[in-house]
Amino acid sequence: MDPVEKAKIRLREWIHHAEHHMEDYEKLARELEGLGKRESAQEMRRVIELAAQQKTSLGRALEALEGP
């Protein structure tokens, strides 16, 4: 398989994984809030923001590979 095609597959997988991690992080943030651990919940929300940025960058990398 072509190295570029391999990279596309990996990027698609990482984007998918990032989405699932973000869901898990949000679930944990809600649980922590329910336990009164607001500071930890806030940090998890920061992690979610960073994961969203990561997902965006992965998507841009994929788009660049798929472009002309």
PDB file of N, CA and C in Angstrom:
ATOM      1  N   MET A   1       0.844  -1.188   0.000  1.00  0.00           N
ATOM      2  CA  MET A   1       0.000   0.000   0.000  1.00  0.00           C
ATOM      3  C   MET A   1       0.887   1.247   0.000  1.00  0.00           C
ATOM      4  N   ASP A   2       0.453   2.220  -0.712  1.00  0.00           N
ATOM      5  CA  ASP A   2       1.122   3.515  -0.832  1.00  0.00           C
ATOM      6  C   ASP A   2       1.248   4.175   0.556  1.00  0.00           C
ATOM      7  N   PRO A   3       2.416   4.753   0.881  1.00  0.00           N
ATOM      8  CA  PRO A   3       2.603   5.398   2.185  1.00  0.00           C
ATOM      9  C   PRO A   3       1.595   6.522   2.467  1.00  0.00           C
ATOM     10  N   VAL A   4       1.187   7.237   1.435  1.00  0.00           N
ATOM     11  CA  VAL A   4       0.202   8.308   1.627  1.00  0.00           C
ATOM     12  C   VAL A   4      -1.149   7.708   2.002  1.00  0.00           C
ATOM     13  N   GLU A   5      -1.517   6.615   1.365  1.00  0.00           N
ATOM     14  CA  GLU A   5      -2.776   5.944   1.708  1.00  0.00           C
ATOM     15  C   GLU A   5      -2.731   5.412   3.137  1.00  0.00           C
ATOM     16  N   LYS A   6      -1.581   4.886   3.544  1.00  0.00           N
ATOM     17  CA  LYS A   6      -1.422   4.422   4.922  1.00  0.00           C
ATOM     18  C   LYS A   6      -1.599   5.582   5.900  1.00  0.00           C
ATOM     19  N   ALA A   7      -1.014   6.717   5.565  1.00  0.00           N
ATOM     20  CA  ALA A   7      -1.134   7.893   6.432  1.00  0.00           C
ATOM     21  C   ALA A   7      -2.589   8.337   6.544  1.00  0.00           C
ATOM     22  N   LYS A   8      -3.318   8.300   5.439  1.00  0.00           N
ATOM     23  CA  LYS A   8      -4.736   8.671   5.461  1.00  0.00           C
ATOM     24  C   LYS A   8      -5.525   7.757   6.390  1.00  0.00           C
ATOM     25  N   ILE A   9      -5.244   6.471   6.301  1.00  0.00           N
ATOM     26  CA  ILE A   9      -5.935   5.506   7.159  1.00  0.00           C
ATOM     27  C   ILE A   9      -5.631   5.793   8.622  1.00  0.00           C
ATOM     28  N   ARG A  10      -4.370   6.019   8.925  1.00  0.00           N
ATOM     29  CA  ARG A  10      -3.981   6.308  10.312  1.00  0.00           C
ATOM     30  C   ARG A  10      -4.647   7.578  10.813  1.00  0.00           C
ATOM     31  N   LEU A  11      -4.665   8.609   9.995  1.00  0.00           N
ATOM     32  CA  LEU A  11      -5.290   9.867  10.411  1.00  0.00           C
ATOM     33  C   LEU A  11      -6.782   9.685  10.664  1.00  0.00           C
ATOM     34  N   ARG A  12      -7.455   8.950   9.789  1.00  0.00           N
ATOM     35  CA  ARG A  12      -8.891   8.696   9.998  1.00  0.00           C
ATOM     36  C   ARG A  12      -9.124   7.950  11.309  1.00  0.00           C
ATOM     37  N   GLU A  13      -8.280   6.966  11.599  1.00  0.00           N
ATOM     38  CA  GLU A  13      -8.400   6.210  12.850  1.00  0.00           C
ATOM     39  C   GLU A  13      -8.171   7.120  14.047  1.00  0.00           C
ATOM     40  N   TRP A  14      -7.166   7.970  13.980  1.00  0.00           N
ATOM     41  CA  TRP A  14      -6.860   8.863  15.099  1.00  0.00           C
ATOM     42  C   TRP A  14      -7.974   9.871  15.323  1.00  0.00           C
ATOM     43  N   ILE A  15      -8.580  10.349  14.248  1.00  0.00           N
ATOM     44  CA  ILE A  15      -9.720  11.264  14.389  1.00  0.00           C
ATOM     45  C   ILE A  15     -10.855  10.551  15.106  1.00  0.00           C
ATOM     46  N   HIS A  16     -11.124   9.332  14.700  1.00  0.00           N
ATOM     47  CA  HIS A  16     -12.180   8.532  15.333  1.00  0.00           C
ATOM     48  C   HIS A  16     -11.870   8.309  16.818  1.00  0.00           C
ATOM     49  N   HIS A  17     -10.627   7.966  17.121  1.00  0.00           N
ATOM     50  CA  HIS A  17     -10.229   7.759  18.514  1.00  0.00           C
ATOM     51  C   HIS A  17     -10.364   9.049  19.317  1.00  0.00           C
ATOM     52  N   ALA A  18      -9.975  10.156  18.734  1.00  0.00           N
ATOM     53  CA  ALA A  18     -10.077  11.442  19.435  1.00  0.00           C
ATOM     54  C   ALA A  18     -11.523  11.732  19.814  1.00  0.00           C
ATOM     55  N   GLU A  19     -12.447  11.438  18.906  1.00  0.00           N
ATOM     56  CA  GLU A  19     -13.869  11.661  19.191  1.00  0.00           C
ATOM     57  C   GLU A  19     -14.319  10.832  20.387  1.00  0.00           C
ATOM     58  N   HIS A  20     -13.907   9.579  20.422  1.00  0.00           N
ATOM     59  CA  HIS A  20     -14.300   8.706  21.533  1.00  0.00           C
ATOM     60  C   HIS A  20     -13.657   9.146  22.846  1.00  0.00           C
ATOM     61  N   HIS A  21     -12.408   9.563  22.782  1.00  0.00           N
ATOM     62  CA  HIS A  21     -11.751  10.048  23.993  1.00  0.00           C
ATOM     63  C   HIS A  21     -12.470  11.281  24.533  1.00  0.00           C
ATOM     64  N   MET A  22     -12.869  12.167  23.647  1.00  0.00           N
ATOM     65  CA  MET A  22     -13.573  13.374  24.085  1.00  0.00           C
ATOM     66  C   MET A  22     -14.878  13.016  24.785  1.00  0.00           C
ATOM     67  N   GLU A  23     -15.586  12.030  24.273  1.00  0.00           N
ATOM     68  CA  GLU A  23     -16.825  11.578  24.921  1.00  0.00           C
ATOM     69  C   GLU A  23     -16.529  11.039  26.320  1.00  0.00           C
ATOM     70  N   ASP A  24     -15.467  10.250  26.435  1.00  0.00           N
ATOM     71  CA  ASP A  24     -15.090   9.696  27.735  1.00  0.00           C
ATOM     72  C   ASP A  24     -14.662  10.796  28.704  1.00  0.00           C
ATOM     73  N   TYR A  25     -13.919  11.780  28.204  1.00  0.00           N
ATOM     74  CA  TYR A  25     -13.485  12.886  29.054  1.00  0.00           C
ATOM     75  C   TYR A  25     -14.684  13.667  29.586  1.00  0.00           C
ATOM     76  N   GLU A  26     -15.670  13.892  28.720  1.00  0.00           N
ATOM     77  CA  GLU A  26     -16.865  14.631  29.138  1.00  0.00           C
ATOM     78  C   GLU A  26     -17.632  13.842  30.192  1.00  0.00           C
ATOM     79  N   LYS A  27     -17.734  12.548  29.991  1.00  0.00           N
ATOM     80  CA  LYS A  27     -18.421  11.706  30.972  1.00  0.00           C
ATOM     81  C   LYS A  27     -17.727  11.808  32.329  1.00  0.00           C
ATOM     82  N   LEU A  28     -16.412  11.730  32.330  1.00  0.00           N
ATOM     83  CA  LEU A  28     -15.667  11.841  33.577  1.00  0.00           C
ATOM     84  C   LEU A  28     -15.848  13.221  34.201  1.00  0.00           C
ATOM     85  N   ALA A  29     -15.829  14.266  33.391  1.00  0.00           N
ATOM     86  CA  ALA A  29     -16.023  15.625  33.910  1.00  0.00           C
ATOM     87  C   ALA A  29     -17.370  15.738  34.618  1.00  0.00           C
ATOM     88  N   ARG A  30     -18.411  15.177  34.018  1.00  0.00           N
ATOM     89  CA  ARG A  30     -19.740  15.211  34.648  1.00  0.00           C
ATOM     90  C   ARG A  30     -19.754  14.426  35.958  1.00  0.00           C
ATOM     91  N   GLU A  31     -19.097  13.276  35.957  1.00  0.00           N
ATOM     92  CA  GLU A  31     -19.027  12.473  37.179  1.00  0.00           C
ATOM     93  C   GLU A  31     -18.308  13.239  38.288  1.00  0.00           C
ATOM     94  N   LEU A  32     -17.201  13.870  37.928  1.00  0.00           N
ATOM     95  CA  LEU A  32     -16.439  14.636  38.914  1.00  0.00           C
ATOM     96  C   LEU A  32     -17.253  15.800  39.463  1.00  0.00           C
ATOM     97  N   GLU A  33     -17.982  16.473  38.587  1.00  0.00           N
ATOM     98  CA  GLU A  33     -18.851  17.556  39.052  1.00  0.00           C
ATOM     99  C   GLU A  33     -19.879  17.026  40.039  1.00  0.00           C
ATOM    100  N   GLY A  34     -20.451  15.879  39.727  1.00  0.00           N
ATOM    101  CA  GLY A  34     -21.437  15.271  40.611  1.00  0.00           C
ATOM    102  C   GLY A  34     -20.864  14.910  41.967  1.00  0.00           C
ATOM    103  N   LEU A  35     -19.569  14.669  42.017  1.00  0.00           N
ATOM    104  CA  LEU A  35     -18.894  14.350  43.271  1.00  0.00           C
ATOM    105  C   LEU A  35     -18.396  15.598  43.987  1.00  0.00           C
ATOM    106  N   GLY A  36     -18.671  16.760  43.399  1.00  0.00           N
ATOM    107  CA  GLY A  36     -18.222  18.009  44.005  1.00  0.00           C
ATOM    108  C   GLY A  36     -16.767  18.340  43.718  1.00  0.00           C
ATOM    109  N   LYS A  37     -16.172  17.666  42.773  1.00  0.00           N
ATOM    110  CA  LYS A  37     -14.763  17.889  42.414  1.00  0.00           C
ATOM    111  C   LYS A  37     -14.690  18.838  41.221  1.00  0.00           C
ATOM    112  N   ARG A  38     -15.081  20.075  41.459  1.00  0.00           N
ATOM    113  CA  ARG A  38     -15.197  21.057  40.377  1.00  0.00           C
ATOM    114  C   ARG A  38     -13.863  21.374  39.713  1.00  0.00           C
ATOM    115  N   GLU A  39     -12.804  21.500  40.506  1.00  0.00           N
ATOM    116  CA  GLU A  39     -11.508  21.839  39.914  1.00  0.00           C
ATOM    117  C   GLU A  39     -11.044  20.739  38.953  1.00  0.00           C
ATOM    118  N   SER A  40     -11.209  19.495  39.367  1.00  0.00           N
ATOM    119  CA  SER A  40     -10.837  18.382  38.488  1.00  0.00           C
ATOM    120  C   SER A  40     -11.720  18.355  37.246  1.00  0.00           C
ATOM    121  N   ALA A  41     -13.000  18.626  37.421  1.00  0.00           N
ATOM    122  CA  ALA A  41     -13.921  18.672  36.279  1.00  0.00           C
ATOM    123  C   ALA A  41     -13.512  19.773  35.309  1.00  0.00           C
ATOM    124  N   GLN A  42     -13.107  20.926  35.836  1.00  0.00           N
ATOM    125  CA  GLN A  42     -12.664  22.025  34.975  1.00  0.00           C
ATOM    126  C   GLN A  42     -11.420  21.627  34.192  1.00  0.00           C
ATOM    127  N   GLU A  43     -10.510  20.927  34.839  1.00  0.00           N
ATOM    128  CA  GLU A  43      -9.299  20.480  34.139  1.00  0.00           C
ATOM    129  C   GLU A  43      -9.648  19.492  33.032  1.00  0.00           C
ATOM    130  N   MET A  44     -10.612  18.624  33.298  1.00  0.00           N
ATOM    131  CA  MET A  44     -11.038  17.685  32.255  1.00  0.00           C
ATOM    132  C   MET A  44     -11.643  18.439  31.079  1.00  0.00           C
ATOM    133  N   ARG A  45     -12.341  19.515  31.348  1.00  0.00           N
ATOM    134  CA  ARG A  45     -12.905  20.308  30.249  1.00  0.00           C
ATOM    135  C   ARG A  45     -11.787  20.978  29.446  1.00  0.00           C
ATOM    136  N   ARG A  46     -10.706  21.333  30.108  1.00  0.00           N
ATOM    137  CA  ARG A  46      -9.547  21.863  29.373  1.00  0.00           C
ATOM    138  C   ARG A  46      -8.944  20.767  28.486  1.00  0.00           C
ATOM    139  N   VAL A  47      -8.910  19.555  29.011  1.00  0.00           N
ATOM    140  CA  VAL A  47      -8.420  18.424  28.216  1.00  0.00           C
ATOM    141  C   VAL A  47      -9.296  18.239  26.981  1.00  0.00           C
ATOM    142  N   ILE A  48     -10.603  18.405  27.146  1.00  0.00           N
ATOM    143  CA  ILE A  48     -11.531  18.277  26.018  1.00  0.00           C
ATOM    144  C   ILE A  48     -11.229  19.337  24.965  1.00  0.00           C
ATOM    145  N   GLU A  49     -10.959  20.555  25.406  1.00  0.00           N
ATOM    146  CA  GLU A  49     -10.617  21.626  24.460  1.00  0.00           C
ATOM    147  C   GLU A  49      -9.348  21.279  23.685  1.00  0.00           C
ATOM    148  N   LEU A  50      -8.351  20.769  24.390  1.00  0.00           N
ATOM    149  CA  LEU A  50      -7.103  20.388  23.722  1.00  0.00           C
ATOM    150  C   LEU A  50      -7.326  19.231  22.756  1.00  0.00           C
ATOM    151  N   ALA A  51      -8.148  18.280  23.155  1.00  0.00           N
ATOM    152  CA  ALA A  51      -8.453  17.149  22.273  1.00  0.00           C
ATOM    153  C   ALA A  51      -9.191  17.623  21.025  1.00  0.00           C
ATOM    154  N   ALA A  52     -10.056  18.622  21.188  1.00  0.00           N
ATOM    155  CA  ALA A  52     -10.771  19.179  20.033  1.00  0.00           C
ATOM    156  C   ALA A  52      -9.783  19.841  19.074  1.00  0.00           C
ATOM    157  N   GLN A  53      -8.798  20.531  19.631  1.00  0.00           N
ATOM    158  CA  GLN A  53      -7.771  21.146  18.786  1.00  0.00           C
ATOM    159  C   GLN A  53      -6.963  20.070  18.061  1.00  0.00           C
ATOM    160  N   GLN A  54      -6.653  19.004  18.778  1.00  0.00           N
ATOM    161  CA  GLN A  54      -5.926  17.889  18.170  1.00  0.00           C
ATOM    162  C   GLN A  54      -6.728  17.297  17.017  1.00  0.00           C
ATOM    163  N   LYS A  55      -8.010  17.079  17.250  1.00  0.00           N
ATOM    164  CA  LYS A  55      -8.876  16.508  16.215  1.00  0.00           C
ATOM    165  C   LYS A  55      -8.928  17.424  14.992  1.00  0.00           C
ATOM    166  N   THR A  56      -9.011  18.721  15.221  1.00  0.00           N
ATOM    167  CA  THR A  56      -9.024  19.686  14.120  1.00  0.00           C
ATOM    168  C   THR A  56      -7.731  19.598  13.310  1.00  0.00           C
ATOM    169  N   SER A  57      -6.609  19.538  14.004  1.00  0.00           N
ATOM    170  CA  SER A  57      -5.324  19.452  13.308  1.00  0.00           C
ATOM    171  C   SER A  57      -5.184  18.147  12.538  1.00  0.00           C
ATOM    172  N   LEU A  58      -5.652  17.055  13.126  1.00  0.00           N
ATOM    173  CA  LEU A  58      -5.627  15.781  12.410  1.00  0.00           C
ATOM    174  C   LEU A  58      -6.482  15.857  11.150  1.00  0.00           C
ATOM    175  N   GLY A  59      -7.633  16.490  11.259  1.00  0.00           N
ATOM    176  CA  GLY A  59      -8.509  16.659  10.100  1.00  0.00           C
ATOM    177  C   GLY A  59      -7.861  17.496   9.014  1.00  0.00           C
ATOM    178  N   ARG A  60      -7.170  18.537   9.423  1.00  0.00           N
ATOM    179  CA  ARG A  60      -6.476  19.382   8.441  1.00  0.00           C
ATOM    180  C   ARG A  60      -5.354  18.607   7.751  1.00  0.00           C
ATOM    181  N   ALA A  61      -4.651  17.799   8.520  1.00  0.00           N
ATOM    182  CA  ALA A  61      -3.589  16.982   7.924  1.00  0.00           C
ATOM    183  C   ALA A  61      -4.181  16.014   6.901  1.00  0.00           C
ATOM    184  N   LEU A  62      -5.312  15.425   7.243  1.00  0.00           N
ATOM    185  CA  LEU A  62      -5.983  14.511   6.315  1.00  0.00           C
ATOM    186  C   LEU A  62      -6.447  15.249   5.067  1.00  0.00           C
ATOM    187  N   GLU A  63      -7.054  16.407   5.255  1.00  0.00           N
ATOM    188  CA  GLU A  63      -7.508  17.204   4.106  1.00  0.00           C
ATOM    189  C   GLU A  63      -6.349  17.554   3.186  1.00  0.00           C
ATOM    190  N   ALA A  64      -5.211  17.891   3.776  1.00  0.00           N
ATOM    191  CA  ALA A  64      -4.045  18.246   2.967  1.00  0.00           C
ATOM    192  C   ALA A  64      -3.574  17.053   2.131  1.00  0.00           C
ATOM    193  N   LEU A  65      -3.673  15.860   2.693  1.00  0.00           N
ATOM    194  CA  LEU A  65      -3.287  14.667   1.934  1.00  0.00           C
ATOM    195  C   LEU A  65      -4.287  14.341   0.837  1.00  0.00           C
ATOM    196  N   GLU A  66      -5.544  14.647   1.079  1.00  0.00           N
ATOM    197  CA  GLU A  66      -6.587  14.334   0.103  1.00  0.00           C
ATOM    198  C   GLU A  66      -6.734  15.404  -0.970  1.00  0.00           C
ATOM    199  N   GLY A  67      -6.101  16.546  -0.754  1.00  0.00           N
ATOM    200  CA  GLY A  67      -6.211  17.654  -1.703  1.00  0.00           C
ATOM    201  C   GLY A  67      -5.498  17.365  -3.013  1.00  0.00           C
ATOM    202  N   PRO A  68      -5.520  18.361  -3.908  1.00  0.00           N
ATOM    203  CA  PRO A  68      -4.916  18.178  -5.238  1.00  0.00           C
ATOM    204  C   PRO A  68      -3.423  17.940  -5.220  1.00  0.00           C
TER     205      PRO A  68
END
